[in-house]
Amino acid sequence: MYAGRFEFTEGGVRIHGSAPERQARVYDIPLAEIRGAAIARERADRLRGLATMILGLDRSAPFAIATLDGPGRLAELVSAVAVRTSKEAA
């Protein structure tokens, strides 16, 4: 799982964050690779107990992205990912 900053790019998303070993990294994920986004409901799926968005990906393990802004912000991100991935599929 990963935690960090999430932003949309042309044709994808970019995640700035730290991996479990705490090294800062940047991940670029094409929209075509994203199979879904959801808010983690189980405590075990959350990062440090924070509200967490799970991105389901085609070719790798899911990304978990926590926010300090709370579940409202995550709901907005999940919705935005759904809209952008549906446009990519069309």
PDB file of N, CA and C in Angstrom:
ATOM      1  N   MET A   1       0.839  -1.177   0.000  1.00  0.00           N
ATOM      2  CA  MET A   1       0.000   0.000   0.000  1.00  0.00           C
ATOM      3  C   MET A   1       0.885   1.241   0.000  1.00  0.00           C
ATOM      4  N   TYR A   2       0.322   2.326  -0.496  1.00  0.00           N
ATOM      5  CA  TYR A   2       1.073   3.565  -0.609  1.00  0.00           C
ATOM      6  C   TYR A   2       0.233   4.737  -0.103  1.00  0.00           C
ATOM      7  N   ALA A   3       0.888   5.749   0.405  1.00  0.00           N
ATOM      8  CA  ALA A   3       0.210   6.965   0.845  1.00  0.00           C
ATOM      9  C   ALA A   3       0.927   8.154   0.233  1.00  0.00           C
ATOM     10  N   GLY A   4       0.183   9.183  -0.158  1.00  0.00           N
ATOM     11  CA  GLY A   4       0.825  10.356  -0.735  1.00  0.00           C
ATOM     12  C   GLY A   4      -0.149  11.272  -1.430  1.00  0.00           C
ATOM     13  N   ARG A   5       0.360  12.130  -2.261  1.00  0.00           N
ATOM     14  CA  ARG A   5      -0.458  13.102  -2.992  1.00  0.00           C
ATOM     15  C   ARG A   5      -0.953  12.483  -4.294  1.00  0.00           C
ATOM     16  N   PHE A   6      -2.186  12.778  -4.632  1.00  0.00           N
ATOM     17  CA  PHE A   6      -2.848  12.230  -5.806  1.00  0.00           C
ATOM     18  C   PHE A   6      -3.249  13.382  -6.709  1.00  0.00           C
ATOM     19  N   GLU A   7      -2.933  13.266  -8.003  1.00  0.00           N
ATOM     20  CA  GLU A   7      -3.354  14.314  -8.937  1.00  0.00           C
ATOM     21  C   GLU A   7      -3.657  13.700 -10.295  1.00  0.00           C
ATOM     22  N   PHE A   8      -4.568  14.352 -11.025  1.00  0.00           N
ATOM     23  CA  PHE A   8      -4.880  13.923 -12.377  1.00  0.00           C
ATOM     24  C   PHE A   8      -3.886  14.539 -13.338  1.00  0.00           C
ATOM     25  N   THR A   9      -3.501  13.755 -14.346  1.00  0.00           N
ATOM     26  CA  THR A   9      -2.652  14.231 -15.429  1.00  0.00           C
ATOM     27  C   THR A   9      -3.419  13.986 -16.723  1.00  0.00           C
ATOM     28  N   GLU A  10      -2.880  14.440 -17.821  1.00  0.00           N
ATOM     29  CA  GLU A  10      -3.526  14.159 -19.095  1.00  0.00           C
ATOM     30  C   GLU A  10      -3.414  12.659 -19.377  1.00  0.00           C
ATOM     31  N   GLY A  11      -4.546  11.963 -19.331  1.00  0.00           N
ATOM     32  CA  GLY A  11      -4.564  10.541 -19.616  1.00  0.00           C
ATOM     33  C   GLY A  11      -4.248   9.628 -18.457  1.00  0.00           C
ATOM     34  N   GLY A  12      -4.176  10.149 -17.244  1.00  0.00           N
ATOM     35  CA  GLY A  12      -3.860   9.280 -16.122  1.00  0.00           C
ATOM     36  C   GLY A  12      -3.901   9.974 -14.782  1.00  0.00           C
ATOM     37  N   VAL A  13      -3.274   9.322 -13.821  1.00  0.00           N
ATOM     38  CA  VAL A  13      -3.122   9.899 -12.486  1.00  0.00           C
ATOM     39  C   VAL A  13      -1.659   9.809 -12.088  1.00  0.00           C
ATOM     40  N   ARG A  14      -1.253  10.698 -11.230  1.00  0.00           N
ATOM     41  CA  ARG A  14       0.112  10.700 -10.683  1.00  0.00           C
ATOM     42  C   ARG A  14      -0.019  10.641  -9.167  1.00  0.00           C
ATOM     43  N   ILE A  15       0.738   9.736  -8.583  1.00  0.00           N
ATOM     44  CA  ILE A  15       0.739   9.581  -7.133  1.00  0.00           C
ATOM     45  C   ILE A  15       2.148   9.844  -6.630  1.00  0.00           C
ATOM     46  N   HIS A  16       2.275  10.831  -5.761  1.00  0.00           N
ATOM     47  CA  HIS A  16       3.537  11.140  -5.091  1.00  0.00           C
ATOM     48  C   HIS A  16       3.403  10.565  -3.689  1.00  0.00           C
ATOM     49  N   GLY A  17       4.353   9.765  -3.263  1.00  0.00           N
ATOM     50  CA  GLY A  17       4.201   9.223  -1.924  1.00  0.00           C
ATOM     51  C   GLY A  17       5.386   8.440  -1.462  1.00  0.00           C
ATOM     52  N   SER A  18       5.143   7.714  -0.381  1.00  0.00           N
ATOM     53  CA  SER A  18       6.201   6.885   0.172  1.00  0.00           C
ATOM     54  C   SER A  18       5.708   5.458   0.260  1.00  0.00           C
ATOM     55  N   ALA A  19       6.587   4.560  -0.093  1.00  0.00           N
ATOM     56  CA  ALA A  19       6.308   3.134  -0.030  1.00  0.00           C
ATOM     57  C   ALA A  19       6.550   2.655   1.397  1.00  0.00           C
ATOM     58  N   PRO A  20       6.237   1.400   1.686  1.00  0.00           N
ATOM     59  CA  PRO A  20       6.453   0.901   3.046  1.00  0.00           C
ATOM     60  C   PRO A  20       7.872   1.117   3.568  1.00  0.00           C
ATOM     61  N   GLU A  21       8.854   1.097   2.666  1.00  0.00           N
ATOM     62  CA  GLU A  21      10.233   1.331   3.124  1.00  0.00           C
ATOM     63  C   GLU A  21      10.541   2.818   3.281  1.00  0.00           C
ATOM     64  N   ARG A  22       9.531   3.673   3.084  1.00  0.00           N
ATOM     65  CA  ARG A  22       9.605   5.126   3.331  1.00  0.00           C
ATOM     66  C   ARG A  22      10.398   5.906   2.295  1.00  0.00           C
ATOM     67  N   GLN A  23      10.672   5.338   1.140  1.00  0.00           N
ATOM     68  CA  GLN A  23      11.363   6.072   0.086  1.00  0.00           C
ATOM     69  C   GLN A  23      10.337   6.842  -0.740  1.00  0.00           C
ATOM     70  N   ALA A  24      10.586   8.118  -0.962  1.00  0.00           N
ATOM     71  CA  ALA A  24       9.680   8.924  -1.778  1.00  0.00           C
ATOM     72  C   ALA A  24       9.735   8.457  -3.225  1.00  0.00           C
ATOM     73  N   ARG A  25       8.548   8.328  -3.842  1.00  0.00           N
ATOM     74  CA  ARG A  25       8.465   7.880  -5.228  1.00  0.00           C
ATOM     75  C   ARG A  25       7.318   8.608  -5.912  1.00  0.00           C
ATOM     76  N   VAL A  26       7.335   8.576  -7.235  1.00  0.00           N
ATOM     77  CA  VAL A  26       6.249   9.110  -8.049  1.00  0.00           C
ATOM     78  C   VAL A  26       5.786   7.992  -8.965  1.00  0.00           C
ATOM     79  N   TYR A  27       4.480   7.758  -9.002  1.00  0.00           N
ATOM     80  CA  TYR A  27       3.892   6.725  -9.838  1.00  0.00           C
ATOM     81  C   TYR A  27       2.943   7.381 -10.829  1.00  0.00           C
ATOM     82  N   ASP A  28       3.111   7.086 -12.115  1.00  0.00           N
ATOM     83  CA  ASP A  28       2.195   7.542 -13.152  1.00  0.00           C
ATOM     84  C   ASP A  28       1.392   6.330 -13.615  1.00  0.00           C
ATOM     85  N   ILE A  29       0.071   6.441 -13.520  1.00  0.00           N
ATOM     86  CA  ILE A  29      -0.809   5.327 -13.866  1.00  0.00           C
ATOM     87  C   ILE A  29      -1.768   5.784 -14.963  1.00  0.00           C
ATOM     88  N   PRO A  30      -1.726   5.152 -16.136  1.00  0.00           N
ATOM     89  CA  PRO A  30      -2.675   5.497 -17.194  1.00  0.00           C
ATOM     90  C   PRO A  30      -4.106   5.150 -16.768  1.00  0.00           C
ATOM     91  N   LEU A  31      -5.059   5.964 -17.176  1.00  0.00           N
ATOM     92  CA  LEU A  31      -6.461   5.696 -16.843  1.00  0.00           C
ATOM     93  C   LEU A  31      -6.899   4.318 -17.328  1.00  0.00           C
ATOM     94  N   ALA A  32      -6.363   3.883 -18.454  1.00  0.00           N
ATOM     95  CA  ALA A  32      -6.739   2.581 -19.014  1.00  0.00           C
ATOM     96  C   ALA A  32      -6.388   1.420 -18.086  1.00  0.00           C
ATOM     97  N   GLU A  33      -5.435   1.608 -17.164  1.00  0.00           N
ATOM     98  CA  GLU A  33      -5.049   0.548 -16.229  1.00  0.00           C
ATOM     99  C   GLU A  33      -5.904   0.520 -14.975  1.00  0.00           C
ATOM    100  N   ILE A  34      -6.687   1.561 -14.734  1.00  0.00           N
ATOM    101  CA  ILE A  34      -7.497   1.644 -13.509  1.00  0.00           C
ATOM    102  C   ILE A  34      -8.806   0.907 -13.729  1.00  0.00           C
ATOM    103  N   ARG A  35      -9.069  -0.081 -12.904  1.00  0.00           N
ATOM    104  CA  ARG A  35     -10.281  -0.884 -13.013  1.00  0.00           C
ATOM    105  C   ARG A  35     -11.350  -0.470 -12.010  1.00  0.00           C
ATOM    106  N   GLY A  36     -11.032   0.378 -11.096  1.00  0.00           N
ATOM    107  CA  GLY A  36     -12.031   0.820 -10.132  1.00  0.00           C
ATOM    108  C   GLY A  36     -11.395   1.595  -9.006  1.00  0.00           C
ATOM    109  N   ALA A  37     -12.244   2.300  -8.279  1.00  0.00           N
ATOM    110  CA  ALA A  37     -11.807   3.053  -7.110  1.00  0.00           C
ATOM    111  C   ALA A  37     -12.906   2.940  -6.065  1.00  0.00           C
ATOM    112  N   ALA A  38     -12.501   2.762  -4.825  1.00  0.00           N
ATOM    113  CA  ALA A  38     -13.472   2.631  -3.737  1.00  0.00           C
ATOM    114  C   ALA A  38     -12.855   3.149  -2.449  1.00  0.00           C
ATOM    115  N   ILE A  39     -13.713   3.456  -1.511  1.00  0.00           N
ATOM    116  CA  ILE A  39     -13.249   3.870  -0.190  1.00  0.00           C
ATOM    117  C   ILE A  39     -13.165   2.626   0.679  1.00  0.00           C
ATOM    118  N   ALA A  40     -12.025   2.443   1.337  1.00  0.00           N
ATOM    119  CA  ALA A  40     -11.832   1.288   2.228  1.00  0.00           C
ATOM    120  C   ALA A  40     -12.795   1.375   3.394  1.00  0.00           C
ATOM    121  N   ARG A  41     -13.525   0.323   3.634  1.00  0.00           N
ATOM    122  CA  ARG A  41     -14.510   0.298   4.726  1.00  0.00           C
ATOM    123  C   ARG A  41     -13.994  -0.427   5.967  1.00  0.00           C
ATOM    124  N   GLU A  42     -13.085  -1.364   5.761  1.00  0.00           N
ATOM    125  CA  GLU A  42     -12.567  -2.161   6.875  1.00  0.00           C
ATOM    126  C   GLU A  42     -11.348  -1.492   7.494  1.00  0.00           C
ATOM    127  N   ARG A  43     -11.239  -1.562   8.794  1.00  0.00           N
ATOM    128  CA  ARG A  43     -10.105  -0.962   9.497  1.00  0.00           C
ATOM    129  C   ARG A  43      -8.774  -1.500   8.972  1.00  0.00           C
ATOM    130  N   ALA A  44      -8.722  -2.775   8.642  1.00  0.00           N
ATOM    131  CA  ALA A  44      -7.476  -3.397   8.165  1.00  0.00           C
ATOM    132  C   ALA A  44      -7.037  -2.842   6.811  1.00  0.00           C
ATOM    133  N   ASP A  45      -7.955  -2.290   6.034  1.00  0.00           N
ATOM    134  CA  ASP A  45      -7.629  -1.751   4.716  1.00  0.00           C
ATOM    135  C   ASP A  45      -7.227  -0.284   4.759  1.00  0.00           C
ATOM    136  N   ARG A  46      -7.363   0.354   5.896  1.00  0.00           N
ATOM    137  CA  ARG A  46      -7.036   1.776   6.015  1.00  0.00           C
ATOM    138  C   ARG A  46      -5.557   1.969   6.297  1.00  0.00           C
ATOM    139  N   LEU A  47      -5.058   3.135   5.951  1.00  0.00           N
ATOM    140  CA  LEU A  47      -3.665   3.492   6.251  1.00  0.00           C
ATOM    141  C   LEU A  47      -3.647   4.323   7.517  1.00  0.00           C
ATOM    142  N   ARG A  48      -3.007   3.786   8.536  1.00  0.00           N
ATOM    143  CA  ARG A  48      -2.897   4.472   9.827  1.00  0.00           C
ATOM    144  C   ARG A  48      -4.254   4.925  10.362  1.00  0.00           C
ATOM    145  N   GLY A  49      -5.292   4.175  10.050  1.00  0.00           N
ATOM    146  CA  GLY A  49      -6.629   4.491  10.523  1.00  0.00           C
ATOM    147  C   GLY A  49      -7.322   5.614   9.769  1.00  0.00           C
ATOM    148  N   LEU A  50      -6.659   6.184   8.769  1.00  0.00           N
ATOM    149  CA  LEU A  50      -7.227   7.304   8.005  1.00  0.00           C
ATOM    150  C   LEU A  50      -8.158   6.800   6.909  1.00  0.00           C
ATOM    151  N   ALA A  51      -9.083   7.658   6.496  1.00  0.00           N
ATOM    152  CA  ALA A  51      -9.911   7.354   5.335  1.00  0.00           C
ATOM    153  C   ALA A  51      -8.986   7.076   4.159  1.00  0.00           C
ATOM    154  N   THR A  52      -9.270   6.016   3.400  1.00  0.00           N
ATOM    155  CA  THR A  52      -8.351   5.536   2.378  1.00  0.00           C
ATOM    156  C   THR A  52      -9.099   5.170   1.102  1.00  0.00           C
ATOM    157  N   MET A  53      -8.562   5.612  -0.038  1.00  0.00           N
ATOM    158  CA  MET A  53      -9.100   5.223  -1.343  1.00  0.00           C
ATOM    159  C   MET A  53      -8.247   4.087  -1.888  1.00  0.00           C
ATOM    160  N   ILE A  54      -8.923   3.041  -2.383  1.00  0.00           N
ATOM    161  CA  ILE A  54      -8.238   1.903  -2.989  1.00  0.00           C
ATOM    162  C   ILE A  54      -8.444   1.984  -4.495  1.00  0.00           C
ATOM    163  N   LEU A  55      -7.356   2.037  -5.249  1.00  0.00           N
ATOM    164  CA  LEU A  55      -7.411   2.000  -6.711  1.00  0.00           C
ATOM    165  C   LEU A  55      -7.127   0.576  -7.167  1.00  0.00           C
ATOM    166  N   GLY A  56      -8.084  -0.038  -7.854  1.00  0.00           N
ATOM    167  CA  GLY A  56      -7.865  -1.354  -8.440  1.00  0.00           C
ATOM    168  C   GLY A  56      -7.171  -1.195  -9.782  1.00  0.00           C
ATOM    169  N   LEU A  57      -6.083  -1.914  -9.984  1.00  0.00           N
ATOM    170  CA  LEU A  57      -5.282  -1.775 -11.196  1.00  0.00           C
ATOM    171  C   LEU A  57      -5.210  -3.088 -11.965  1.00  0.00           C
ATOM    172  N   ASP A  58      -5.055  -2.988 -13.270  1.00  0.00           N
ATOM    173  CA  ASP A  58      -4.946  -4.159 -14.138  1.00  0.00           C
ATOM    174  C   ASP A  58      -3.706  -4.998 -13.861  1.00  0.00           C
ATOM    175  N   ARG A  59      -2.552  -4.363 -13.811  1.00  0.00           N
ATOM    176  CA  ARG A  59      -1.284  -5.100 -13.863  1.00  0.00           C
ATOM    177  C   ARG A  59      -0.498  -5.138 -12.564  1.00  0.00           C
ATOM    178  N   SER A  60      -1.064  -4.615 -11.490  1.00  0.00           N
ATOM    179  CA  SER A  60      -0.318  -4.636 -10.233  1.00  0.00           C
ATOM    180  C   SER A  60      -1.280  -4.656  -9.053  1.00  0.00           C
ATOM    181  N   ALA A  61      -0.694  -4.754  -7.896  1.00  0.00           N
ATOM    182  CA  ALA A  61      -1.499  -4.739  -6.671  1.00  0.00           C
ATOM    183  C   ALA A  61      -2.208  -3.399  -6.540  1.00  0.00           C
ATOM    184  N   PRO A  62      -3.317  -3.367  -5.824  1.00  0.00           N
ATOM    185  CA  PRO A  62      -4.039  -2.107  -5.647  1.00  0.00           C
ATOM    186  C   PRO A  62      -3.192  -1.054  -4.928  1.00  0.00           C
ATOM    187  N   PHE A  63      -3.470   0.206  -5.234  1.00  0.00           N
ATOM    188  CA  PHE A  63      -2.871   1.328  -4.515  1.00  0.00           C
ATOM    189  C   PHE A  63      -3.853   1.759  -3.440  1.00  0.00           C
ATOM    190  N   ALA A  64      -3.355   2.054  -2.255  1.00  0.00           N
ATOM    191  CA  ALA A  64      -4.159   2.617  -1.184  1.00  0.00           C
ATOM    192  C   ALA A  64      -3.646   4.029  -0.938  1.00  0.00           C
ATOM    193  N   ILE A  65      -4.561   4.986  -0.953  1.00  0.00           N
ATOM    194  CA  ILE A  65      -4.195   6.390  -0.823  1.00  0.00           C
ATOM    195  C   ILE A  65      -5.003   7.000   0.314  1.00  0.00           C
ATOM    196  N   ALA A  66      -4.315   7.459   1.345  1.00  0.00           N
ATOM    197  CA  ALA A  66      -4.980   8.069   2.495  1.00  0.00           C
ATOM    198  C   ALA A  66      -5.012   9.579   2.345  1.00  0.00           C
ATOM    199  N   THR A  67      -5.962  10.195   3.033  1.00  0.00           N
ATOM    200  CA  THR A  67      -6.043  11.648   3.018  1.00  0.00           C
ATOM    201  C   THR A  67      -6.270  12.175   4.429  1.00  0.00           C
ATOM    202  N   LEU A  68      -5.710  13.335   4.684  1.00  0.00           N
ATOM    203  CA  LEU A  68      -5.964  14.016   5.948  1.00  0.00           C
ATOM    204  C   LEU A  68      -7.213  14.884   5.857  1.00  0.00           C
ATOM    205  N   ASP A  69      -7.750  15.019   4.626  1.00  0.00           N
ATOM    206  CA  ASP A  69      -8.928  15.854   4.405  1.00  0.00           C
ATOM    207  C   ASP A  69     -10.229  15.158   4.765  1.00  0.00           C
ATOM    208  N   GLY A  70     -10.192  13.871   5.066  1.00  0.00           N
ATOM    209  CA  GLY A  70     -11.378  13.155   5.493  1.00  0.00           C
ATOM    210  C   GLY A  70     -12.100  12.439   4.371  1.00  0.00           C
ATOM    211  N   PRO A  71     -13.143  11.683   4.758  1.00  0.00           N
ATOM    212  CA  PRO A  71     -13.855  10.846   3.795  1.00  0.00           C
ATOM    213  C   PRO A  71     -14.594  11.631   2.717  1.00  0.00           C
ATOM    214  N   GLY A  72     -14.998  12.861   2.979  1.00  0.00           N
ATOM    215  CA  GLY A  72     -15.671  13.667   1.958  1.00  0.00           C
ATOM    216  C   GLY A  72     -14.779  13.907   0.761  1.00  0.00           C
ATOM    217  N   ARG A  73     -13.535  14.220   1.001  1.00  0.00           N
ATOM    218  CA  ARG A  73     -12.574  14.445  -0.081  1.00  0.00           C
ATOM    219  C   ARG A  73     -12.327  13.150  -0.851  1.00  0.00           C
ATOM    220  N   LEU A  74     -12.235  12.031  -0.144  1.00  0.00           N
ATOM    221  CA  LEU A  74     -12.040  10.761  -0.831  1.00  0.00           C
ATOM    222  C   LEU A  74     -13.224  10.424  -1.721  1.00  0.00           C
ATOM    223  N   ALA A  75     -14.438  10.698  -1.255  1.00  0.00           N
ATOM    224  CA  ALA A  75     -15.620  10.441  -2.080  1.00  0.00           C
ATOM    225  C   ALA A  75     -15.547  11.249  -3.374  1.00  0.00           C
ATOM    226  N   GLU A  76     -15.068  12.486  -3.291  1.00  0.00           N
ATOM    227  CA  GLU A  76     -14.891  13.316  -4.493  1.00  0.00           C
ATOM    228  C   GLU A  76     -13.871  12.697  -5.437  1.00  0.00           C
ATOM    229  N   LEU A  77     -12.764  12.197  -4.896  1.00  0.00           N
ATOM    230  CA  LEU A  77     -11.727  11.578  -5.727  1.00  0.00           C
ATOM    231  C   LEU A  77     -12.233  10.296  -6.382  1.00  0.00           C
ATOM    232  N   VAL A  78     -12.938   9.461  -5.628  1.00  0.00           N
ATOM    233  CA  VAL A  78     -13.483   8.222  -6.185  1.00  0.00           C
ATOM    234  C   VAL A  78     -14.427   8.548  -7.334  1.00  0.00           C
ATOM    235  N   SER A  79     -15.277   9.552  -7.135  1.00  0.00           N
ATOM    236  CA  SER A  79     -16.206   9.972  -8.184  1.00  0.00           C
ATOM    237  C   SER A  79     -15.459  10.485  -9.411  1.00  0.00           C
ATOM    238  N   ALA A  80     -14.442  11.300  -9.200  1.00  0.00           N
ATOM    239  CA  ALA A  80     -13.663  11.852 -10.309  1.00  0.00           C
ATOM    240  C   ALA A  80     -12.939  10.745 -11.077  1.00  0.00           C
ATOM    241  N   VAL A  81     -12.401   9.767 -10.378  1.00  0.00           N
ATOM    242  CA  VAL A  81     -11.742   8.639 -11.050  1.00  0.00           C
ATOM    243  C   VAL A  81     -12.762   7.880 -11.884  1.00  0.00           C
ATOM    244  N   ALA A  82     -13.945   7.637 -11.337  1.00  0.00           N
ATOM    245  CA  ALA A  82     -14.983   6.913 -12.072  1.00  0.00           C
ATOM    246  C   ALA A  82     -15.372   7.659 -13.361  1.00  0.00           C
ATOM    247  N   VAL A  83     -15.536   8.960 -13.272  1.00  0.00           N
ATOM    248  CA  VAL A  83     -15.901   9.746 -14.450  1.00  0.00           C
ATOM    249  C   VAL A  83     -14.801   9.689 -15.491  1.00  0.00           C
ATOM    250  N   ARG A  84     -13.558   9.878 -15.071  1.00  0.00           N
ATOM    251  CA  ARG A  84     -12.447   9.897 -16.032  1.00  0.00           C
ATOM    252  C   ARG A  84     -12.188   8.530 -16.644  1.00  0.00           C
ATOM    253  N   THR A  85     -12.306   7.451 -15.856  1.00  0.00           N
ATOM    254  CA  THR A  85     -12.079   6.136 -16.427  1.00  0.00           C
ATOM    255  C   THR A  85     -13.212   5.730 -17.361  1.00  0.00           C
ATOM    256  N   SER A  86     -14.434   6.170 -17.079  1.00  0.00           N
ATOM    257  CA  SER A  86     -15.541   5.843 -17.990  1.00  0.00           C
ATOM    258  C   SER A  86     -15.392   6.595 -19.307  1.00  0.00           C
ATOM    259  N   LYS A  87     -14.878   7.827 -19.259  1.00  0.00           N
ATOM    260  CA  LYS A  87     -14.614   8.571 -20.500  1.00  0.00           C
ATOM    261  C   LYS A  87     -13.505   7.912 -21.296  1.00  0.00           C
ATOM    262  N   GLU A  88     -12.506   7.388 -20.608  1.00  0.00           N
ATOM    263  CA  GLU A  88     -11.379   6.719 -21.274  1.00  0.00           C
ATOM    264  C   GLU A  88     -11.872   5.452 -21.973  1.00  0.00           C
ATOM    265  N   ALA A  89     -12.798   4.740 -21.352  1.00  0.00           N
ATOM    266  CA  ALA A  89     -13.316   3.498 -21.925  1.00  0.00           C
ATOM    267  C   ALA A  89     -14.237   3.744 -23.102  1.00  0.00           C
ATOM    268  N   ALA A  90     -14.848   4.935 -23.167  1.00  0.00           N
ATOM    269  CA  ALA A  90     -15.815   5.230 -24.243  1.00  0.00           C
ATOM    270  C   ALA A  90     -15.160   5.477 -25.580  1.00  0.00           C
TER     271      ALA A  90
END
